[in-house]
Amino acid sequence: MFPSTSATASRLLVPAASRRAMAAAASANPPHPQQSPPKAVRVVVKGRVQGVFFRDWTVETARALGLAGWVRNRHDGTVEALLSGEPARVDEMVSRRLPVGPPAAAVTAVLPSPADPLDPSEGFHRKPTA
């Protein structure tokens, strides 16, 4: 019996050595991973976070992570920040860095909410108290 025009028939036309070579070439040149779209969050940080170098520490840490955004004190004693950039780095800042803060800080809560991403060229800076 002869195979009909199907995947079986087309496979018979390509020698096994050629199929192995094509598979090896495909695995040697994987497709380029697509970069994740930027993520942004607005956070309010509660605790002993004013007068303990928290804003300057946040600027330094966010810049080191390559984030854009800003940080400022609020009249209610909290610190507010907008963090924008590569999702894993934003998550690192929110879940691992901000809850610890600088040595003199005592963070009791980090409350994130979604925000619109910023242009990375804006950098990260301090804003006046709001």
N, C-alpha and C. Protein backbone atom coordinates (compact mmCIF):
# COMPACT_ATOMS: atom_id res chain seq x y z
N MET A 1 0.82 -1.16 0.00
CA MET A 1 0.00 0.00 0.00
C MET A 1 0.88 1.24 0.00
N PHE A 2 0.50 2.26 -0.76
CA PHE A 2 1.26 3.49 -0.83
C PHE A 2 0.58 4.56 0.00
N PRO A 3 1.40 5.34 0.75
CA PRO A 3 0.79 6.41 1.55
C PRO A 3 0.20 7.49 0.64
N SER A 4 -0.87 8.09 1.10
CA SER A 4 -1.49 9.18 0.34
C SER A 4 -0.70 10.46 0.59
N THR A 5 -1.11 11.54 -0.02
CA THR A 5 -0.43 12.81 0.20
C THR A 5 -0.76 13.29 1.61
N SER A 6 0.14 13.05 2.48
CA SER A 6 -0.08 13.41 3.88
C SER A 6 1.27 13.73 4.50
N ALA A 7 1.24 13.95 5.80
CA ALA A 7 2.49 14.22 6.51
C ALA A 7 3.44 13.04 6.37
N THR A 8 2.89 11.85 6.32
CA THR A 8 3.73 10.66 6.16
C THR A 8 4.45 10.70 4.82
N ALA A 9 3.76 11.06 3.76
CA ALA A 9 4.38 11.10 2.44
C ALA A 9 5.45 12.18 2.38
N SER A 10 5.20 13.36 2.95
CA SER A 10 6.21 14.41 2.89
C SER A 10 7.41 14.06 3.74
N ARG A 11 7.22 13.34 4.83
CA ARG A 11 8.33 12.91 5.66
C ARG A 11 9.20 11.92 4.92
N LEU A 12 8.61 11.10 4.07
CA LEU A 12 9.37 10.13 3.31
C LEU A 12 10.27 10.79 2.28
N LEU A 13 9.93 12.00 1.86
CA LEU A 13 10.72 12.70 0.86
C LEU A 13 11.96 13.37 1.44
N VAL A 14 11.98 13.59 2.76
CA VAL A 14 13.12 14.24 3.41
C VAL A 14 13.90 13.17 4.15
N PRO A 15 15.16 12.95 3.79
CA PRO A 15 15.96 11.93 4.47
C PRO A 15 16.07 12.23 5.97
N ALA A 16 16.17 11.16 6.76
CA ALA A 16 16.23 11.30 8.22
C ALA A 16 17.38 12.19 8.65
N ALA A 17 18.54 12.09 8.01
CA ALA A 17 19.69 12.92 8.38
C ALA A 17 19.36 14.40 8.18
N SER A 18 18.64 14.74 7.14
CA SER A 18 18.25 16.13 6.89
C SER A 18 17.28 16.62 7.94
N ARG A 19 16.33 15.75 8.34
CA ARG A 19 15.37 16.14 9.39
C ARG A 19 16.11 16.43 10.69
N ARG A 20 17.11 15.58 11.02
CA ARG A 20 17.89 15.80 12.24
C ARG A 20 18.67 17.10 12.15
N ALA A 21 19.25 17.40 11.00
CA ALA A 21 20.01 18.63 10.83
C ALA A 21 19.11 19.86 10.98
N MET A 22 17.89 19.79 10.41
CA MET A 22 16.96 20.91 10.53
C MET A 22 16.53 21.10 11.98
N ALA A 23 16.29 20.03 12.70
CA ALA A 23 15.89 20.12 14.10
C ALA A 23 17.02 20.72 14.94
N ALA A 24 18.26 20.30 14.67
CA ALA A 24 19.40 20.84 15.41
C ALA A 24 19.57 22.32 15.14
N ALA A 25 19.40 22.74 13.90
CA ALA A 25 19.53 24.17 13.55
C ALA A 25 18.44 24.98 14.24
N ALA A 26 17.24 24.46 14.30
CA ALA A 26 16.14 25.18 14.95
C ALA A 26 16.39 25.34 16.44
N SER A 27 16.94 24.31 17.10
CA SER A 27 17.19 24.42 18.53
C SER A 27 18.41 25.27 18.82
N ALA A 28 19.35 25.37 17.89
CA ALA A 28 20.53 26.21 18.08
C ALA A 28 20.20 27.69 17.96
N ASN A 29 19.15 28.02 17.24
CA ASN A 29 18.74 29.41 17.04
C ASN A 29 17.31 29.59 17.54
N PRO A 30 17.12 29.57 18.87
CA PRO A 30 15.75 29.71 19.37
C PRO A 30 15.20 31.08 19.03
N PRO A 31 13.90 31.22 18.94
CA PRO A 31 13.32 32.52 18.64
C PRO A 31 13.65 33.50 19.75
N HIS A 32 13.75 34.78 19.40
CA HIS A 32 14.07 35.80 20.39
C HIS A 32 12.91 35.94 21.37
N PRO A 33 13.20 35.88 22.67
CA PRO A 33 12.11 36.06 23.63
C PRO A 33 11.59 37.50 23.56
N GLN A 34 10.32 37.65 23.67
CA GLN A 34 9.74 38.99 23.62
C GLN A 34 9.86 39.62 24.99
N GLN A 35 10.24 40.88 25.01
CA GLN A 35 10.39 41.60 26.25
C GLN A 35 9.00 41.91 26.82
N SER A 36 8.86 41.75 28.12
CA SER A 36 7.58 42.02 28.76
C SER A 36 7.27 43.51 28.69
N PRO A 37 6.01 43.86 28.56
CA PRO A 37 5.66 45.28 28.60
C PRO A 37 5.96 45.83 29.99
N PRO A 38 6.23 47.12 30.09
CA PRO A 38 6.56 47.69 31.40
C PRO A 38 5.38 47.57 32.37
N LYS A 39 5.72 47.55 33.63
CA LYS A 39 4.73 47.48 34.70
C LYS A 39 4.90 48.71 35.56
N ALA A 40 3.80 49.19 36.13
CA ALA A 40 3.89 50.33 37.04
C ALA A 40 2.94 50.11 38.20
N VAL A 41 3.40 50.51 39.38
CA VAL A 41 2.56 50.48 40.57
C VAL A 41 2.78 51.75 41.37
N ARG A 42 1.73 52.17 42.02
CA ARG A 42 1.81 53.26 43.00
C ARG A 42 1.78 52.59 44.35
N VAL A 43 2.70 52.93 45.23
CA VAL A 43 2.73 52.31 46.55
C VAL A 43 2.65 53.37 47.63
N VAL A 44 2.00 53.00 48.71
CA VAL A 44 2.01 53.80 49.93
C VAL A 44 2.71 52.94 50.97
N VAL A 45 3.74 53.52 51.60
CA VAL A 45 4.53 52.79 52.59
C VAL A 45 4.24 53.40 53.96
N LYS A 46 3.82 52.52 54.89
CA LYS A 46 3.45 52.97 56.23
C LYS A 46 4.49 52.50 57.23
N GLY A 47 4.53 53.19 58.38
CA GLY A 47 5.44 52.85 59.46
C GLY A 47 6.30 54.04 59.81
N ARG A 48 7.49 53.77 60.37
CA ARG A 48 8.43 54.86 60.63
C ARG A 48 9.25 55.04 59.35
N VAL A 49 8.73 55.89 58.45
CA VAL A 49 9.32 56.02 57.12
C VAL A 49 9.67 57.46 56.76
N GLN A 50 9.38 58.40 57.65
CA GLN A 50 9.79 59.79 57.41
C GLN A 50 10.88 60.16 58.40
N GLY A 51 11.86 60.93 57.91
CA GLY A 51 12.97 61.34 58.76
C GLY A 51 14.00 60.24 58.97
N VAL A 52 13.98 59.20 58.12
CA VAL A 52 14.91 58.08 58.28
C VAL A 52 15.64 57.78 56.97
N PHE A 53 15.72 58.78 56.06
CA PHE A 53 16.43 58.64 54.80
C PHE A 53 15.67 57.76 53.81
N PHE A 54 14.35 57.54 54.04
CA PHE A 54 13.59 56.62 53.19
C PHE A 54 13.49 57.09 51.75
N ARG A 55 13.23 58.38 51.52
CA ARG A 55 13.10 58.86 50.14
C ARG A 55 14.41 58.76 49.38
N ASP A 56 15.50 59.20 49.99
CA ASP A 56 16.80 59.10 49.30
C ASP A 56 17.19 57.64 49.04
N TRP A 57 16.93 56.78 50.02
CA TRP A 57 17.20 55.35 49.84
C TRP A 57 16.36 54.79 48.69
N THR A 58 15.10 55.22 48.60
CA THR A 58 14.22 54.75 47.52
C THR A 58 14.74 55.21 46.17
N VAL A 59 15.18 56.46 46.07
CA VAL A 59 15.73 56.97 44.81
C VAL A 59 16.94 56.13 44.41
N GLU A 60 17.87 55.91 45.32
CA GLU A 60 19.08 55.14 45.02
C GLU A 60 18.74 53.70 44.61
N THR A 61 17.85 53.07 45.34
CA THR A 61 17.49 51.67 45.07
C THR A 61 16.76 51.54 43.75
N ALA A 62 15.80 52.43 43.50
CA ALA A 62 15.04 52.38 42.25
C ALA A 62 15.95 52.62 41.05
N ARG A 63 16.85 53.57 41.17
CA ARG A 63 17.78 53.84 40.06
C ARG A 63 18.68 52.63 39.82
N ALA A 64 19.14 51.98 40.90
CA ALA A 64 20.00 50.80 40.75
C ALA A 64 19.25 49.67 40.04
N LEU A 65 17.93 49.60 40.22
CA LEU A 65 17.12 48.58 39.55
C LEU A 65 16.67 49.02 38.16
N GLY A 66 17.02 50.25 37.76
CA GLY A 66 16.65 50.73 36.43
C GLY A 66 15.19 51.15 36.32
N LEU A 67 14.58 51.56 37.43
CA LEU A 67 13.18 51.95 37.41
C LEU A 67 13.01 53.44 37.16
N ALA A 68 11.87 53.80 36.62
CA ALA A 68 11.47 55.20 36.47
C ALA A 68 10.41 55.48 37.52
N GLY A 69 10.21 56.75 37.83
CA GLY A 69 9.15 57.11 38.77
C GLY A 69 9.56 58.20 39.73
N TRP A 70 8.92 58.20 40.88
CA TRP A 70 9.17 59.24 41.88
C TRP A 70 8.80 58.73 43.27
N VAL A 71 9.24 59.48 44.28
CA VAL A 71 8.91 59.19 45.67
C VAL A 71 8.70 60.51 46.38
N ARG A 72 7.77 60.52 47.36
CA ARG A 72 7.53 61.74 48.14
C ARG A 72 6.95 61.38 49.49
N ASN A 73 7.16 62.29 50.46
CA ASN A 73 6.49 62.18 51.74
C ASN A 73 5.06 62.66 51.57
N ARG A 74 4.18 62.16 52.44
CA ARG A 74 2.81 62.64 52.47
C ARG A 74 2.53 63.23 53.84
N HIS A 75 1.59 64.15 53.88
CA HIS A 75 1.28 64.83 55.15
C HIS A 75 0.79 63.88 56.24
N ASP A 76 0.29 62.70 55.87
CA ASP A 76 -0.21 61.76 56.88
C ASP A 76 0.90 60.89 57.49
N GLY A 77 2.17 61.16 57.14
CA GLY A 77 3.28 60.40 57.72
C GLY A 77 3.73 59.20 56.90
N THR A 78 3.06 58.94 55.80
CA THR A 78 3.45 57.83 54.93
C THR A 78 4.38 58.33 53.83
N VAL A 79 4.91 57.40 53.07
CA VAL A 79 5.70 57.71 51.88
C VAL A 79 4.96 57.11 50.70
N GLU A 80 4.89 57.87 49.62
CA GLU A 80 4.21 57.41 48.40
C GLU A 80 5.24 57.35 47.28
N ALA A 81 5.14 56.33 46.43
CA ALA A 81 6.06 56.21 45.30
C ALA A 81 5.34 55.65 44.09
N LEU A 82 5.81 56.03 42.93
CA LEU A 82 5.37 55.45 41.66
C LEU A 82 6.58 54.75 41.08
N LEU A 83 6.45 53.45 40.83
CA LEU A 83 7.56 52.64 40.33
C LEU A 83 7.17 52.07 38.98
N SER A 84 8.01 52.28 37.97
CA SER A 84 7.69 51.83 36.62
C SER A 84 8.93 51.24 35.97
N GLY A 85 8.72 50.11 35.28
CA GLY A 85 9.84 49.48 34.58
C GLY A 85 9.59 48.03 34.30
N GLU A 86 10.67 47.27 34.15
CA GLU A 86 10.61 45.85 33.84
C GLU A 86 9.87 45.15 35.00
N PRO A 87 8.85 44.33 34.70
CA PRO A 87 8.01 43.76 35.76
C PRO A 87 8.75 43.07 36.90
N ALA A 88 9.76 42.28 36.61
CA ALA A 88 10.48 41.58 37.68
C ALA A 88 11.19 42.56 38.60
N ARG A 89 11.67 43.66 38.06
CA ARG A 89 12.36 44.66 38.89
C ARG A 89 11.38 45.47 39.73
N VAL A 90 10.22 45.78 39.17
CA VAL A 90 9.18 46.46 39.95
C VAL A 90 8.75 45.55 41.09
N ASP A 91 8.52 44.27 40.80
CA ASP A 91 8.13 43.32 41.83
C ASP A 91 9.20 43.19 42.91
N GLU A 92 10.46 43.18 42.50
CA GLU A 92 11.59 43.12 43.45
C GLU A 92 11.53 44.31 44.40
N MET A 93 11.30 45.50 43.88
CA MET A 93 11.25 46.70 44.71
C MET A 93 10.07 46.64 45.68
N VAL A 94 8.91 46.24 45.18
CA VAL A 94 7.70 46.24 46.00
C VAL A 94 7.72 45.12 47.05
N SER A 95 8.13 43.94 46.67
CA SER A 95 8.02 42.81 47.59
C SER A 95 9.25 42.55 48.46
N ARG A 96 10.43 42.99 48.00
CA ARG A 96 11.64 42.66 48.76
C ARG A 96 12.38 43.87 49.32
N ARG A 97 12.39 44.96 48.57
CA ARG A 97 13.18 46.12 49.01
C ARG A 97 12.39 47.07 49.91
N LEU A 98 11.22 47.53 49.46
CA LEU A 98 10.45 48.49 50.25
C LEU A 98 10.04 47.96 51.63
N PRO A 99 9.66 46.69 51.77
CA PRO A 99 9.28 46.22 53.11
C PRO A 99 10.41 46.28 54.14
N VAL A 100 11.64 46.36 53.68
CA VAL A 100 12.79 46.46 54.58
C VAL A 100 13.21 47.92 54.73
N GLY A 101 13.38 48.62 53.62
CA GLY A 101 13.77 50.03 53.66
C GLY A 101 15.18 50.23 54.17
N PRO A 102 15.54 51.49 54.43
CA PRO A 102 16.88 51.78 54.97
C PRO A 102 16.95 51.34 56.44
N PRO A 103 18.17 51.28 57.01
CA PRO A 103 18.34 50.74 58.37
C PRO A 103 17.47 51.38 59.45
N ALA A 104 17.25 52.69 59.41
CA ALA A 104 16.49 53.35 60.49
C ALA A 104 14.98 53.24 60.32
N ALA A 105 14.52 52.73 59.21
CA ALA A 105 13.08 52.63 58.96
C ALA A 105 12.47 51.43 59.67
N ALA A 106 11.17 51.53 59.92
CA ALA A 106 10.40 50.40 60.46
C ALA A 106 9.10 50.35 59.66
N VAL A 107 9.13 49.61 58.55
CA VAL A 107 7.98 49.53 57.64
C VAL A 107 6.95 48.58 58.23
N THR A 108 5.69 49.05 58.28
CA THR A 108 4.60 48.20 58.77
C THR A 108 3.69 47.73 57.65
N ALA A 109 3.70 48.43 56.50
CA ALA A 109 2.85 48.01 55.38
C ALA A 109 3.35 48.65 54.09
N VAL A 110 3.22 47.91 53.00
CA VAL A 110 3.47 48.42 51.65
C VAL A 110 2.19 48.11 50.87
N LEU A 111 1.49 49.16 50.46
CA LEU A 111 0.19 49.01 49.81
C LEU A 111 0.28 49.40 48.34
N PRO A 112 0.40 48.42 47.43
CA PRO A 112 0.52 48.74 46.01
C PRO A 112 -0.85 48.83 45.32
N SER A 113 -0.90 49.65 44.27
CA SER A 113 -2.07 49.70 43.40
C SER A 113 -1.57 49.93 41.98
N PRO A 114 -2.31 49.45 40.97
CA PRO A 114 -1.85 49.59 39.58
C PRO A 114 -1.73 51.05 39.16
N ALA A 115 -0.83 51.30 38.22
CA ALA A 115 -0.63 52.65 37.68
C ALA A 115 -0.22 52.52 36.22
N ASP A 116 -0.23 53.64 35.52
CA ASP A 116 0.20 53.66 34.13
C ASP A 116 1.71 53.76 34.07
N PRO A 117 2.37 52.93 33.23
CA PRO A 117 3.83 52.99 33.12
C PRO A 117 4.31 54.36 32.63
N LEU A 118 5.52 54.70 33.05
CA LEU A 118 6.17 55.95 32.64
C LEU A 118 7.20 55.66 31.56
N ASP A 119 7.57 56.69 30.85
CA ASP A 119 8.67 56.59 29.90
C ASP A 119 9.96 56.42 30.70
N PRO A 120 10.78 55.40 30.40
CA PRO A 120 12.02 55.16 31.15
C PRO A 120 12.96 56.36 31.16
N SER A 121 12.87 57.21 30.13
CA SER A 121 13.77 58.37 30.07
C SER A 121 13.47 59.39 31.18
N GLU A 122 12.34 59.26 31.85
CA GLU A 122 12.01 60.19 32.94
C GLU A 122 12.87 59.95 34.17
N GLY A 123 13.47 58.76 34.28
CA GLY A 123 14.31 58.47 35.43
C GLY A 123 13.52 58.38 36.72
N PHE A 124 14.23 58.40 37.83
CA PHE A 124 13.59 58.31 39.15
C PHE A 124 14.03 59.50 39.98
N HIS A 125 13.06 60.18 40.63
CA HIS A 125 13.39 61.40 41.38
C HIS A 125 12.49 61.58 42.60
N ARG A 126 12.90 62.53 43.44
CA ARG A 126 12.10 62.93 44.62
C ARG A 126 11.15 64.02 44.22
N LYS A 127 9.95 63.97 44.78
CA LYS A 127 8.97 65.03 44.59
C LYS A 127 8.71 65.70 45.95
N PRO A 128 8.20 66.92 45.91
CA PRO A 128 7.87 67.58 47.18
C PRO A 128 6.74 66.85 47.92
N THR A 129 6.67 67.09 49.21
CA THR A 129 5.62 66.51 50.05
C THR A 129 4.25 66.91 49.51
N ALA A 130 3.33 65.96 49.54
CA ALA A 130 1.97 66.25 49.06
C ALA A 130 0.97 65.99 50.17
